[in-house]
């Protein structure tokens, strides 16, 4: 998936906004980041993951612990080609859902 298709997909998810933080493109829900991508560095990105999947994910080529983010809860993916389109979309949706689940119930209800 190329960066423009990736961006369009992320923005198609309800409540998703984009912005720049720390010179990286971020996709957020209610101002809470669920993906941070370094578009100037080969589209390397960090995404939230289930801690139970962390070891399996980081054992794969091109995936590691995300720097400066919660240990075992965020992975860094080398580029958009490391995951196939189906898995990439699934990981994006899961990351968004994990961030949304931490928000107040009233806010969660807006996106149900």
N, C-alpha and C. Protein backbone atom coordinates (compact mmCIF):
# COMPACT_ATOMS: atom_id res chain seq x y z
N UNK A 1 0.86 -1.17 0.00
CA UNK A 1 0.00 0.00 0.00
C UNK A 1 0.91 1.24 0.00
N UNK A 2 0.57 2.22 -0.81
CA UNK A 2 1.37 3.44 -0.83
C UNK A 2 0.84 4.41 0.25
N UNK A 3 1.60 5.44 0.52
CA UNK A 3 1.28 6.36 1.60
C UNK A 3 -0.05 7.07 1.38
N UNK A 4 -0.37 7.41 0.15
CA UNK A 4 -1.63 8.12 -0.10
C UNK A 4 -2.83 7.20 0.15
N UNK A 5 -2.75 5.95 -0.27
CA UNK A 5 -3.82 4.98 -0.01
C UNK A 5 -3.95 4.73 1.49
N UNK A 6 -2.81 4.63 2.17
CA UNK A 6 -2.80 4.43 3.61
C UNK A 6 -3.48 5.60 4.31
N UNK A 7 -3.14 6.80 3.91
CA UNK A 7 -3.73 8.01 4.49
C UNK A 7 -5.24 8.02 4.26
N UNK A 8 -5.66 7.75 3.04
CA UNK A 8 -7.09 7.73 2.72
C UNK A 8 -7.83 6.69 3.55
N UNK A 9 -7.22 5.51 3.73
CA UNK A 9 -7.86 4.48 4.53
C UNK A 9 -8.03 4.95 5.98
N UNK A 10 -6.96 5.47 6.56
CA UNK A 10 -7.03 5.93 7.96
C UNK A 10 -8.11 6.99 8.12
N UNK A 11 -8.14 7.96 7.21
CA UNK A 11 -9.12 9.04 7.31
C UNK A 11 -10.55 8.58 7.05
N UNK A 12 -10.72 7.40 6.46
CA UNK A 12 -12.06 6.87 6.22
C UNK A 12 -12.68 6.29 7.50
N UNK A 13 -11.86 6.05 8.52
CA UNK A 13 -12.37 5.49 9.77
C UNK A 13 -13.06 6.60 10.57
N UNK A 14 -14.24 6.31 11.12
CA UNK A 14 -15.02 7.34 11.84
C UNK A 14 -14.22 8.04 12.94
N UNK A 15 -14.26 9.36 12.91
CA UNK A 15 -13.62 10.16 13.96
C UNK A 15 -12.13 10.39 13.78
N UNK A 16 -11.55 9.83 12.74
CA UNK A 16 -10.10 9.97 12.55
C UNK A 16 -9.76 11.35 12.02
N UNK A 17 -8.74 11.94 12.64
CA UNK A 17 -8.17 13.20 12.17
C UNK A 17 -6.68 12.98 11.97
N UNK A 18 -6.05 13.90 11.26
CA UNK A 18 -4.61 13.81 11.07
C UNK A 18 -3.96 15.10 11.53
N UNK A 19 -2.70 15.00 11.87
CA UNK A 19 -1.96 16.18 12.28
C UNK A 19 -0.48 15.85 12.33
N UNK A 20 0.31 16.87 12.52
CA UNK A 20 1.76 16.70 12.62
C UNK A 20 2.20 16.89 14.06
N UNK A 21 2.98 15.95 14.55
CA UNK A 21 3.58 16.04 15.89
C UNK A 21 4.99 15.49 15.79
N UNK A 22 5.92 16.19 16.36
CA UNK A 22 7.33 15.76 16.36
C UNK A 22 7.82 15.49 14.94
N UNK A 23 7.35 16.28 13.98
CA UNK A 23 7.72 16.15 12.58
C UNK A 23 7.28 14.82 11.97
N UNK A 24 6.23 14.22 12.52
CA UNK A 24 5.66 12.97 12.02
C UNK A 24 4.17 13.18 11.77
N UNK A 25 3.66 12.46 10.79
CA UNK A 25 2.23 12.48 10.51
C UNK A 25 1.54 11.54 11.50
N UNK A 26 0.51 12.04 12.16
CA UNK A 26 -0.21 11.24 13.15
C UNK A 26 -1.67 11.10 12.76
N UNK A 27 -2.21 9.93 13.00
CA UNK A 27 -3.64 9.70 12.85
C UNK A 27 -4.19 9.51 14.25
N UNK A 28 -5.29 10.23 14.53
CA UNK A 28 -5.80 10.30 15.89
C UNK A 28 -7.31 10.12 15.92
N UNK A 29 -7.78 9.75 17.11
CA UNK A 29 -9.20 9.79 17.39
C UNK A 29 -9.34 10.58 18.68
N UNK A 30 -10.15 11.63 18.64
CA UNK A 30 -10.31 12.52 19.81
C UNK A 30 -8.95 13.01 20.31
N UNK A 31 -8.08 13.35 19.38
CA UNK A 31 -6.74 13.89 19.68
C UNK A 31 -5.79 12.88 20.32
N UNK A 32 -6.16 11.61 20.35
CA UNK A 32 -5.30 10.55 20.88
C UNK A 32 -4.71 9.79 19.70
N UNK A 33 -3.39 9.70 19.65
CA UNK A 33 -2.69 9.09 18.53
C UNK A 33 -2.89 7.57 18.52
N UNK A 34 -3.20 7.04 17.34
CA UNK A 34 -3.20 5.59 17.20
C UNK A 34 -2.22 5.12 16.12
N UNK A 35 -1.70 6.04 15.32
CA UNK A 35 -0.61 5.74 14.37
C UNK A 35 0.25 6.98 14.25
N UNK A 36 1.55 6.76 14.26
CA UNK A 36 2.49 7.86 14.02
C UNK A 36 3.44 7.37 12.93
N UNK A 37 3.58 8.17 11.87
CA UNK A 37 4.33 7.72 10.71
C UNK A 37 5.38 8.75 10.28
N UNK A 38 6.57 8.25 10.02
CA UNK A 38 7.69 9.10 9.59
C UNK A 38 7.73 9.11 8.07
N UNK A 39 7.00 10.03 7.46
CA UNK A 39 6.91 10.04 6.00
C UNK A 39 8.23 10.44 5.33
N UNK A 40 9.10 11.13 6.05
CA UNK A 40 10.40 11.52 5.50
C UNK A 40 11.45 10.44 5.68
N UNK A 41 11.08 9.34 6.33
CA UNK A 41 12.05 8.28 6.62
C UNK A 41 11.52 6.93 6.13
N UNK A 42 11.15 6.86 4.87
CA UNK A 42 10.72 5.60 4.28
C UNK A 42 9.37 5.09 4.76
N UNK A 43 8.56 5.97 5.33
CA UNK A 43 7.22 5.62 5.83
C UNK A 43 7.25 4.61 6.97
N UNK A 44 8.29 4.68 7.78
CA UNK A 44 8.34 3.87 9.00
C UNK A 44 7.22 4.36 9.90
N UNK A 45 6.50 3.43 10.55
CA UNK A 45 5.41 3.87 11.40
C UNK A 45 5.32 3.06 12.68
N UNK A 46 4.71 3.67 13.68
CA UNK A 46 4.46 3.00 14.95
C UNK A 46 2.96 2.91 15.14
N UNK A 47 2.56 1.77 15.68
CA UNK A 47 1.13 1.49 15.84
C UNK A 47 0.93 0.71 17.13
N UNK A 48 -0.19 0.97 17.78
CA UNK A 48 -0.51 0.29 19.03
C UNK A 48 -0.81 -1.18 18.74
N UNK A 49 -0.41 -2.06 19.67
CA UNK A 49 -0.71 -3.48 19.50
C UNK A 49 -1.15 -4.08 20.84
N UNK A 50 -1.77 -5.22 20.76
CA UNK A 50 -2.16 -5.96 21.95
C UNK A 50 -0.88 -6.53 22.57
N UNK A 51 -0.62 -6.30 23.86
CA UNK A 51 0.60 -6.82 24.49
C UNK A 51 0.76 -8.34 24.34
N UNK A 52 -0.35 -9.06 24.21
CA UNK A 52 -0.28 -10.52 24.04
C UNK A 52 0.31 -10.90 22.67
N UNK A 53 0.23 -10.00 21.70
CA UNK A 53 0.76 -10.27 20.36
C UNK A 53 2.16 -9.70 20.15
N UNK A 54 2.64 -8.95 21.13
CA UNK A 54 3.90 -8.22 20.97
C UNK A 54 5.07 -9.13 20.56
N UNK A 55 5.28 -10.23 21.28
CA UNK A 55 6.43 -11.10 20.99
C UNK A 55 6.35 -11.71 19.60
N UNK A 56 5.17 -12.14 19.20
CA UNK A 56 4.98 -12.73 17.87
C UNK A 56 5.25 -11.68 16.79
N UNK A 57 4.74 -10.48 17.00
CA UNK A 57 4.93 -9.42 16.01
C UNK A 57 6.39 -9.00 15.89
N UNK A 58 7.06 -8.79 17.02
CA UNK A 58 8.44 -8.31 16.97
C UNK A 58 9.42 -9.39 16.53
N UNK A 59 8.99 -10.63 16.47
CA UNK A 59 9.84 -11.71 15.95
C UNK A 59 9.89 -11.67 14.42
N UNK A 60 8.98 -10.93 13.81
CA UNK A 60 8.93 -10.84 12.36
C UNK A 60 9.93 -9.81 11.84
N UNK A 61 10.44 -10.06 10.65
CA UNK A 61 11.36 -9.11 10.01
C UNK A 61 10.64 -7.79 9.76
N UNK A 62 11.31 -6.69 10.07
CA UNK A 62 10.77 -5.37 9.81
C UNK A 62 9.89 -4.81 10.91
N UNK A 63 9.75 -5.55 12.03
CA UNK A 63 8.91 -5.08 13.14
C UNK A 63 9.74 -5.13 14.43
N UNK A 64 9.68 -4.06 15.22
CA UNK A 64 10.43 -3.96 16.47
C UNK A 64 9.63 -3.17 17.50
N UNK A 65 10.13 -3.12 18.72
CA UNK A 65 9.54 -2.28 19.75
C UNK A 65 9.63 -0.83 19.28
N UNK A 66 8.56 -0.08 19.42
CA UNK A 66 8.55 1.33 19.03
C UNK A 66 9.34 2.14 20.06
N UNK A 67 10.21 3.00 19.55
CA UNK A 67 11.00 3.86 20.42
C UNK A 67 10.11 4.91 21.08
N UNK A 68 10.38 5.20 22.33
CA UNK A 68 9.74 6.29 23.07
C UNK A 68 8.23 6.10 23.29
N UNK A 69 7.72 4.91 23.08
CA UNK A 69 6.30 4.66 23.30
C UNK A 69 6.17 3.50 24.29
N UNK A 70 5.00 3.32 24.85
CA UNK A 70 4.78 2.33 25.91
C UNK A 70 5.32 0.95 25.51
N UNK A 71 6.19 0.43 26.36
CA UNK A 71 6.83 -0.86 26.10
C UNK A 71 5.80 -1.96 25.97
N UNK A 72 5.98 -2.80 24.95
CA UNK A 72 5.13 -3.96 24.67
C UNK A 72 3.70 -3.59 24.25
N UNK A 73 3.44 -2.29 24.06
CA UNK A 73 2.11 -1.86 23.63
C UNK A 73 2.14 -1.18 22.28
N UNK A 74 3.33 -0.83 21.80
CA UNK A 74 3.49 -0.18 20.50
C UNK A 74 4.61 -0.87 19.74
N UNK A 75 4.38 -1.11 18.45
CA UNK A 75 5.42 -1.67 17.59
C UNK A 75 5.79 -0.65 16.53
N UNK A 76 7.00 -0.77 16.03
CA UNK A 76 7.45 0.06 14.92
C UNK A 76 7.62 -0.84 13.71
N UNK A 77 7.00 -0.46 12.62
CA UNK A 77 7.05 -1.23 11.38
C UNK A 77 7.92 -0.47 10.39
N UNK A 78 8.87 -1.16 9.82
CA UNK A 78 9.88 -0.54 8.96
C UNK A 78 9.30 0.27 7.80
N UNK A 79 8.26 -0.24 7.16
CA UNK A 79 7.60 0.49 6.07
C UNK A 79 6.24 -0.13 5.79
N UNK A 80 5.49 0.48 4.90
CA UNK A 80 4.12 0.02 4.61
C UNK A 80 4.07 -1.32 3.90
N UNK A 81 5.20 -1.80 3.38
CA UNK A 81 5.23 -3.07 2.67
C UNK A 81 5.49 -4.28 3.57
N UNK A 82 5.81 -4.05 4.83
CA UNK A 82 6.09 -5.17 5.74
C UNK A 82 4.84 -6.01 5.97
N UNK A 83 3.69 -5.36 6.02
CA UNK A 83 2.41 -6.05 6.22
C UNK A 83 1.61 -5.99 4.91
N UNK A 84 0.90 -7.08 4.59
CA UNK A 84 0.05 -7.01 3.40
C UNK A 84 -1.12 -6.08 3.69
N UNK A 85 -1.83 -5.65 2.66
CA UNK A 85 -2.90 -4.65 2.81
C UNK A 85 -3.96 -5.08 3.82
N UNK A 86 -4.36 -6.34 3.77
CA UNK A 86 -5.40 -6.84 4.67
C UNK A 86 -4.94 -6.76 6.13
N UNK A 87 -3.72 -7.23 6.40
CA UNK A 87 -3.21 -7.19 7.77
C UNK A 87 -2.97 -5.75 8.22
N UNK A 88 -2.48 -4.92 7.33
CA UNK A 88 -2.24 -3.52 7.66
C UNK A 88 -3.54 -2.84 8.08
N UNK A 89 -4.60 -3.04 7.31
CA UNK A 89 -5.90 -2.45 7.64
C UNK A 89 -6.41 -3.00 8.97
N UNK A 90 -6.23 -4.28 9.18
CA UNK A 90 -6.67 -4.91 10.43
C UNK A 90 -5.92 -4.33 11.63
N UNK A 91 -4.62 -4.12 11.47
CA UNK A 91 -3.80 -3.55 12.56
C UNK A 91 -4.20 -2.10 12.83
N UNK A 92 -4.50 -1.35 11.78
CA UNK A 92 -4.94 0.03 11.95
C UNK A 92 -6.25 0.06 12.74
N UNK A 93 -7.19 -0.78 12.35
CA UNK A 93 -8.49 -0.83 13.04
C UNK A 93 -8.32 -1.25 14.50
N UNK A 94 -7.44 -2.21 14.75
CA UNK A 94 -7.21 -2.67 16.12
C UNK A 94 -6.57 -1.58 16.97
N UNK A 95 -5.61 -0.87 16.40
CA UNK A 95 -4.95 0.21 17.12
C UNK A 95 -5.96 1.30 17.49
N UNK A 96 -6.78 1.67 16.52
CA UNK A 96 -7.81 2.68 16.75
C UNK A 96 -8.77 2.21 17.85
N UNK A 97 -9.17 0.95 17.80
CA UNK A 97 -10.11 0.41 18.79
C UNK A 97 -9.50 0.41 20.19
N UNK A 98 -8.20 0.10 20.30
CA UNK A 98 -7.55 0.10 21.62
C UNK A 98 -7.49 1.50 22.20
N UNK A 99 -7.21 2.48 21.36
CA UNK A 99 -7.17 3.87 21.83
C UNK A 99 -8.58 4.33 22.19
N UNK A 100 -9.55 4.03 21.36
CA UNK A 100 -10.93 4.42 21.62
C UNK A 100 -11.44 3.79 22.92
N UNK A 101 -11.05 2.57 23.21
CA UNK A 101 -11.50 1.87 24.42
C UNK A 101 -11.03 2.55 25.70
N UNK A 102 -9.99 3.35 25.62
CA UNK A 102 -9.46 4.07 26.80
C UNK A 102 -10.17 5.41 27.03
N UNK A 103 -10.99 5.82 26.08
CA UNK A 103 -11.71 7.09 26.21
C UNK A 103 -13.00 6.89 27.00
N UNK A 104 -13.56 7.98 27.53
CA UNK A 104 -14.81 7.86 28.30
C UNK A 104 -15.92 7.23 27.47
N UNK A 105 -16.81 6.52 28.15
CA UNK A 105 -17.92 5.81 27.50
C UNK A 105 -18.77 6.73 26.62
N UNK A 106 -18.98 7.95 27.04
CA UNK A 106 -19.77 8.90 26.27
C UNK A 106 -19.13 9.16 24.92
N UNK A 107 -17.83 9.31 24.91
CA UNK A 107 -17.10 9.54 23.65
C UNK A 107 -17.11 8.27 22.81
N UNK A 108 -16.91 7.11 23.44
CA UNK A 108 -16.93 5.84 22.70
C UNK A 108 -18.28 5.67 21.99
N UNK A 109 -19.35 6.07 22.64
CA UNK A 109 -20.70 5.90 22.08
C UNK A 109 -20.87 6.68 20.77
N UNK A 110 -20.14 7.79 20.62
CA UNK A 110 -20.23 8.58 19.38
C UNK A 110 -19.77 7.77 18.16
N UNK A 111 -18.92 6.79 18.39
CA UNK A 111 -18.31 6.03 17.28
C UNK A 111 -18.81 4.61 17.18
N UNK A 112 -19.86 4.25 17.93
CA UNK A 112 -20.39 2.88 17.89
C UNK A 112 -21.32 2.71 16.72
